[in-house]
């Protein structure tokens, strides 16, 4: 077949790129909303899921028949994924209260770097040189960020580590949900994992003695709509249209917006070291998504 007779690639919708940018910008507000909520951090995670579930079920309504056809093994994976998702939110929200919102956004995205490590250590696939370089750069950037956190307050390092743990747990969630995702739509997966994780979050918040019922509802409502519905929804819509490189570059918007919001609303200042470390991790997130050459 000649090049002139090949079918043209589908045109990217006009709204796809704005949706990608807006999705990242909306997700970046999550750490700030957790800090503004007048409930405990784990309780904020509970409300993020609980308030979003009705909307997610509505968006997943067309695939309800497919959900009912899932086998026992798939349901076990969904339940386990929900527990990992709940633990991810609990760890991330606890970490957010002990570090800067920019650091929380950066360390919360380490799953992008951990997945290549999983393929290397567990699946025994070779890392491409650019992936190895990305992991080394990310480790250097993380060390710089944690050093800056320690200088600001030793307590901040605990927050950085908790946010990193959240990224590890989110990696487990992705690995568990991979097979189920092949049979279900993104909205269905998000709805089911939210349902599976909501009660464990409530139980953990109660065991920790956190304040659960908000006095001011708007931060938790905004968190549910922005992080769990709008941000995730826009990202799901946009992901099908762009290369890994573009998706990786778009992730750099999250820590940048988070840092800006932290400065405007909470007065959090960024040092030169913070900027260097954040840039290093951001570049690593882009490099690790570079497609392999043919």
Protein backbone atom coordinates (compact mmCIF):
# COMPACT_ATOMS: atom_id res chain seq x y z
CA UNK A 1 0.00 0.00 0.00
CA UNK A 2 1.44 3.36 -0.96
CA UNK A 3 1.80 6.14 1.58
CA UNK A 4 -0.80 8.18 -0.30
CA UNK A 5 -3.42 5.41 0.11
CA UNK A 6 -2.89 4.82 3.83
CA UNK A 7 -5.84 5.81 6.02
CA UNK A 8 -5.28 9.13 7.74
CA UNK A 9 -4.73 9.08 11.49
CA UNK A 10 -7.80 10.27 13.39
CA UNK A 11 -7.69 13.98 14.10
CA UNK A 12 -7.13 14.97 17.71
CA UNK A 13 -10.28 16.67 19.05
CA UNK A 14 -9.93 20.40 19.64
CA UNK A 15 -10.76 19.99 23.34
CA UNK A 16 -8.35 17.11 24.01
CA UNK A 17 -5.26 19.19 24.82
CA UNK A 18 -7.13 21.76 26.96
CA UNK A 19 -8.70 18.80 28.78
CA UNK A 20 -5.23 17.35 29.44
CA UNK A 21 -3.94 20.63 30.87
CA UNK A 22 -7.09 21.33 32.87
CA UNK A 23 -7.13 17.78 34.27
CA UNK A 24 -3.60 18.18 35.61
CA UNK A 25 -4.35 21.65 36.99
CA UNK A 26 -7.47 20.41 38.78
CA UNK A 27 -5.65 17.40 40.27
CA UNK A 28 -2.94 19.75 41.57
CA UNK A 29 -5.49 21.38 43.88
CA UNK A 30 -5.96 18.12 45.83
CA UNK A 31 -3.19 18.67 48.42
CA UNK A 32 -4.38 22.22 49.11
CA UNK A 33 -7.99 21.08 49.64
CA UNK A 34 -6.83 18.39 52.08
CA UNK A 35 -5.02 21.06 54.10
CA UNK A 36 -8.08 23.33 54.05
CA UNK A 37 -10.54 20.60 55.14
CA UNK A 38 -11.64 20.72 58.79
CA UNK A 39 -11.69 16.92 59.07
CA UNK A 40 -8.78 14.54 59.55
CA UNK A 41 -6.63 13.71 56.50
CA UNK A 42 -7.86 10.11 56.26
CA UNK A 43 -11.45 11.31 56.73
CA UNK A 44 -10.87 13.70 53.84
CA UNK A 45 -9.95 10.65 51.73
CA UNK A 46 -13.20 8.97 52.83
CA UNK A 47 -15.27 11.97 51.73
CA UNK A 48 -13.34 12.21 48.47
CA UNK A 49 -14.57 8.72 47.58
CA UNK A 50 -17.99 8.73 49.28
CA UNK A 51 -19.18 11.96 47.67
CA UNK A 52 -17.86 10.93 44.24
CA UNK A 53 -19.35 7.41 44.14
CA UNK A 54 -22.91 8.41 43.05
CA UNK A 55 -21.52 10.44 40.13
CA UNK A 56 -19.07 7.68 39.16
CA UNK A 57 -21.85 5.08 39.18
CA UNK A 58 -23.94 7.34 36.96
CA UNK A 59 -21.05 7.74 34.52
CA UNK A 60 -20.46 3.96 34.54
CA UNK A 61 -24.14 3.05 34.13
CA UNK A 62 -23.78 1.86 30.52
CA UNK A 63 -21.27 -0.82 31.48
CA UNK A 64 -23.23 -2.25 34.43
CA UNK A 65 -23.98 -5.41 32.44
CA UNK A 66 -20.28 -6.03 31.91
CA UNK A 67 -19.57 -5.54 35.61
CA UNK A 68 -22.03 -8.30 36.50
CA UNK A 69 -20.16 -10.72 34.21
CA UNK A 70 -16.87 -10.43 36.13
CA UNK A 71 -15.54 -13.73 37.51
CA UNK A 72 -14.52 -14.37 41.16
CA UNK A 73 -10.83 -13.72 40.39
CA UNK A 74 -11.64 -10.30 38.93
CA UNK A 75 -13.76 -9.37 41.96
CA UNK A 76 -10.91 -10.34 44.29
CA UNK A 77 -8.56 -8.09 42.30
CA UNK A 78 -11.06 -5.23 42.45
CA UNK A 79 -11.40 -5.62 46.22
CA UNK A 80 -7.63 -5.76 46.71
CA UNK A 81 -7.18 -2.76 44.39
CA UNK A 82 -9.71 -0.83 46.45
CA UNK A 83 -7.74 -1.55 49.63
CA UNK A 84 -4.51 -0.40 47.96
CA UNK A 85 -6.30 2.73 46.71
CA UNK A 86 -7.61 3.44 50.23
CA UNK A 87 -4.15 2.95 51.74
CA UNK A 88 -2.69 5.20 49.03
CA UNK A 89 -5.12 8.01 49.88
CA UNK A 90 -4.62 7.59 53.63
CA UNK A 91 -0.83 7.73 53.33
CA UNK A 92 -0.87 10.62 50.84
CA UNK A 93 -3.32 12.73 52.83
CA UNK A 94 -1.37 12.15 56.05
CA UNK A 95 1.80 13.17 54.23
CA UNK A 96 0.22 16.30 52.78
CA UNK A 97 -0.22 17.76 56.27
CA UNK A 98 3.52 17.39 56.97
CA UNK A 99 5.10 18.77 53.81
CA UNK A 100 4.65 21.42 51.15
CA UNK A 101 1.84 20.97 48.64
CA UNK A 102 4.40 21.01 45.80
CA UNK A 103 6.38 18.15 47.37
CA UNK A 104 3.14 16.20 47.90
CA UNK A 105 2.30 16.54 44.20
CA UNK A 106 5.81 15.46 43.15
CA UNK A 107 6.23 12.46 45.47
CA UNK A 108 2.65 11.35 44.86
CA UNK A 109 3.56 10.71 41.20
CA UNK A 110 6.46 8.30 41.84
CA UNK A 111 4.38 5.42 40.46
CA UNK A 112 5.49 6.60 37.01
CA UNK A 113 9.04 5.67 38.00
CA UNK A 114 8.20 2.58 40.06
CA UNK A 115 6.41 0.78 37.24
CA UNK A 116 9.61 0.53 35.12
CA UNK A 117 11.42 -0.76 38.23
CA UNK A 118 8.71 -3.41 38.63
CA UNK A 119 9.28 -4.61 35.06
CA UNK A 120 13.03 -4.73 35.76
CA UNK A 121 13.05 -6.52 39.13
CA UNK A 122 9.95 -8.70 38.89
CA UNK A 123 9.23 -9.23 35.18
CA UNK A 124 12.96 -9.36 34.37
CA UNK A 125 12.63 -6.99 31.42
CA UNK A 126 15.64 -4.85 30.60
CA UNK A 127 15.46 -1.17 31.39
CA UNK A 128 16.18 1.11 28.45
CA UNK A 129 19.09 3.51 29.06
CA UNK A 130 16.73 6.50 29.14
CA UNK A 131 14.63 4.79 31.83
CA UNK A 132 17.70 4.04 33.95
CA UNK A 133 18.79 7.68 33.58
CA UNK A 134 15.30 8.86 34.57
CA UNK A 135 15.33 6.75 37.74
CA UNK A 136 18.80 8.00 38.72
CA UNK A 137 17.74 11.61 38.08
CA UNK A 138 14.55 11.15 40.09
CA UNK A 139 16.49 9.73 43.04
CA UNK A 140 18.89 12.69 42.96
CA UNK A 141 15.98 15.15 42.75
CA UNK A 142 14.14 13.41 45.59
CA UNK A 143 17.26 13.58 47.77
CA UNK A 144 17.53 17.34 47.12
CA UNK A 145 13.84 17.86 47.92
CA UNK A 146 14.03 15.85 51.14
CA UNK A 147 17.18 17.71 52.16
CA UNK A 148 15.34 20.99 51.67
CA UNK A 149 12.38 19.65 53.65
CA UNK A 150 14.66 18.66 56.54
CA UNK A 151 16.24 22.12 56.63
CA UNK A 152 12.77 23.71 56.79
CA UNK A 153 11.60 21.24 59.46
CA UNK A 154 12.59 17.62 60.24
CA UNK A 155 8.85 16.88 60.40
CA UNK A 156 8.54 17.64 56.67
CA UNK A 157 10.67 14.62 55.76
CA UNK A 158 8.00 12.39 57.33
CA UNK A 159 5.49 14.01 54.98
CA UNK A 160 7.72 13.40 51.96
CA UNK A 161 8.17 9.74 52.92
CA UNK A 162 4.43 9.24 53.46
CA UNK A 163 3.70 10.76 50.03
CA UNK A 164 6.33 8.45 48.51
CA UNK A 165 4.68 5.48 50.25
CA UNK A 166 1.41 6.61 48.69
CA UNK A 167 3.06 6.41 45.27
CA UNK A 168 4.21 2.85 46.05
CA UNK A 169 0.69 1.86 47.08
CA UNK A 170 -0.77 3.46 43.95
CA UNK A 171 1.64 1.35 41.89
CA UNK A 172 0.18 -1.73 43.58
CA UNK A 173 -3.31 -0.47 42.70
CA UNK A 174 -2.38 -0.09 39.03
CA UNK A 175 -0.82 -3.56 38.85
CA UNK A 176 -3.87 -5.16 40.46
CA UNK A 177 -6.36 -3.38 38.24
CA UNK A 178 -4.59 -3.96 34.91
CA UNK A 179 -6.42 -7.18 34.00
CA UNK A 180 -9.79 -5.83 35.15
CA UNK A 181 -9.26 -2.66 33.10
CA UNK A 182 -9.19 -4.76 29.91
CA UNK A 183 -12.78 -5.88 30.59
CA UNK A 184 -14.25 -2.64 31.99
CA UNK A 185 -14.37 1.05 31.13
CA UNK A 186 -12.27 3.55 33.07
CA UNK A 187 -15.37 4.92 34.81
CA UNK A 188 -16.37 1.41 35.93
CA UNK A 189 -12.90 0.70 37.35
CA UNK A 190 -12.86 4.03 39.18
CA UNK A 191 -16.37 3.46 40.57
CA UNK A 192 -15.64 -0.08 41.77
CA UNK A 193 -12.28 0.77 43.33
CA UNK A 194 -13.87 3.76 45.09
CA UNK A 195 -16.64 1.55 46.52
CA UNK A 196 -14.08 -1.01 47.69
CA UNK A 197 -11.94 1.65 49.38
CA UNK A 198 -14.51 3.91 51.02
CA UNK A 199 -15.34 1.81 54.11
CA UNK A 200 -11.68 0.96 54.95
CA UNK A 201 -10.93 4.70 54.89
CA UNK A 202 -13.86 5.42 57.23
CA UNK A 203 -12.75 2.65 59.60
CA UNK A 204 -9.13 3.86 59.64
CA UNK A 205 -10.19 7.48 60.24
CA UNK A 206 -12.35 6.34 63.16
CA UNK A 207 -9.54 4.20 64.65
CA UNK A 208 -7.22 7.21 64.49
CA UNK A 209 -9.78 9.31 66.33
CA UNK A 210 -10.04 11.84 63.51
CA UNK A 211 -12.82 14.39 63.12
CA UNK A 212 -15.02 12.84 60.42
CA UNK A 213 -18.08 15.06 59.99
CA UNK A 214 -17.12 18.37 58.37
CA UNK A 215 -18.26 21.69 59.77
CA UNK A 216 -17.38 23.32 56.45
CA UNK A 217 -18.39 21.04 53.58
CA UNK A 218 -16.95 22.91 50.61
CA UNK A 219 -13.31 21.64 50.82
CA UNK A 220 -14.36 17.94 50.85
CA UNK A 221 -17.01 18.48 48.17
CA UNK A 222 -14.45 20.29 46.03
CA UNK A 223 -11.94 17.50 46.68
CA UNK A 224 -14.40 14.80 45.57
CA UNK A 225 -15.48 16.66 42.44
CA UNK A 226 -12.03 17.90 41.43
CA UNK A 227 -9.74 14.97 42.23
CA UNK A 228 -12.05 11.98 41.87
CA UNK A 229 -14.44 13.06 39.11
CA UNK A 230 -13.35 16.08 37.06
CA UNK A 231 -9.55 15.69 37.20
CA UNK A 232 -9.57 11.93 36.67
CA UNK A 233 -12.32 12.22 34.06
CA UNK A 234 -10.47 14.81 31.99
CA UNK A 235 -7.27 12.77 32.17
CA UNK A 236 -9.07 9.58 31.11
CA UNK A 237 -10.62 11.44 28.16
CA UNK A 238 -7.33 13.02 27.05
CA UNK A 239 -4.99 10.04 27.54
CA UNK A 240 -6.21 8.22 24.46
CA UNK A 241 -5.09 11.00 22.13
CA UNK A 242 -1.49 11.77 23.10
CA UNK A 243 1.91 10.10 23.15
CA UNK A 244 3.64 9.12 26.42
CA UNK A 245 5.97 12.10 25.96
CA UNK A 246 3.13 14.62 25.86
CA UNK A 247 1.44 12.94 28.82
CA UNK A 248 4.71 13.06 30.76
CA UNK A 249 5.24 16.73 29.98
CA UNK A 250 1.70 17.52 31.08
CA UNK A 251 2.43 16.02 34.52
CA UNK A 252 4.93 18.82 35.13
CA UNK A 253 1.93 21.13 35.44
CA UNK A 254 0.79 19.46 38.68
CA UNK A 255 3.70 20.38 41.00
CA UNK A 256 3.93 23.83 39.36
CA UNK A 257 0.24 24.60 40.02
CA UNK A 258 0.43 23.01 43.47
CA UNK A 259 3.42 25.20 44.36
CA UNK A 260 1.60 28.31 43.11
CA UNK A 261 -1.53 27.48 45.13
CA UNK A 262 0.56 26.72 48.21
CA UNK A 263 2.28 30.10 47.90
CA UNK A 264 -0.92 32.10 47.25
CA UNK A 265 -3.20 30.42 49.80
CA UNK A 266 -0.83 29.09 52.48
CA UNK A 267 2.21 31.32 52.03
CA UNK A 268 4.54 28.34 51.37
CA UNK A 269 7.83 29.55 49.91
CA UNK A 270 9.97 27.59 47.46
CA UNK A 271 13.75 27.76 47.79
CA UNK A 272 16.20 27.40 44.91
CA UNK A 273 16.94 23.84 46.08
CA UNK A 274 13.21 23.04 46.00
CA UNK A 275 13.04 24.27 42.41
CA UNK A 276 16.14 22.29 41.34
CA UNK A 277 14.93 19.08 43.00
CA UNK A 278 11.40 19.45 41.66
CA UNK A 279 12.70 20.12 38.15
CA UNK A 280 14.92 17.02 38.31
CA UNK A 281 12.01 14.78 39.32
CA UNK A 282 9.78 16.42 36.71
CA UNK A 283 12.30 15.82 33.93
CA UNK A 284 12.61 12.21 35.11
CA UNK A 285 8.83 11.78 34.82
CA UNK A 286 9.07 12.95 31.20
CA UNK A 287 12.09 10.77 30.34
CA UNK A 288 10.57 7.60 31.74
CA UNK A 289 7.59 8.05 29.41
CA UNK A 290 9.63 8.46 26.24
CA UNK A 291 8.51 5.83 23.74
CA UNK A 292 11.06 3.22 22.66
CA UNK A 293 12.58 3.70 19.23
CA UNK A 294 11.46 1.33 16.52
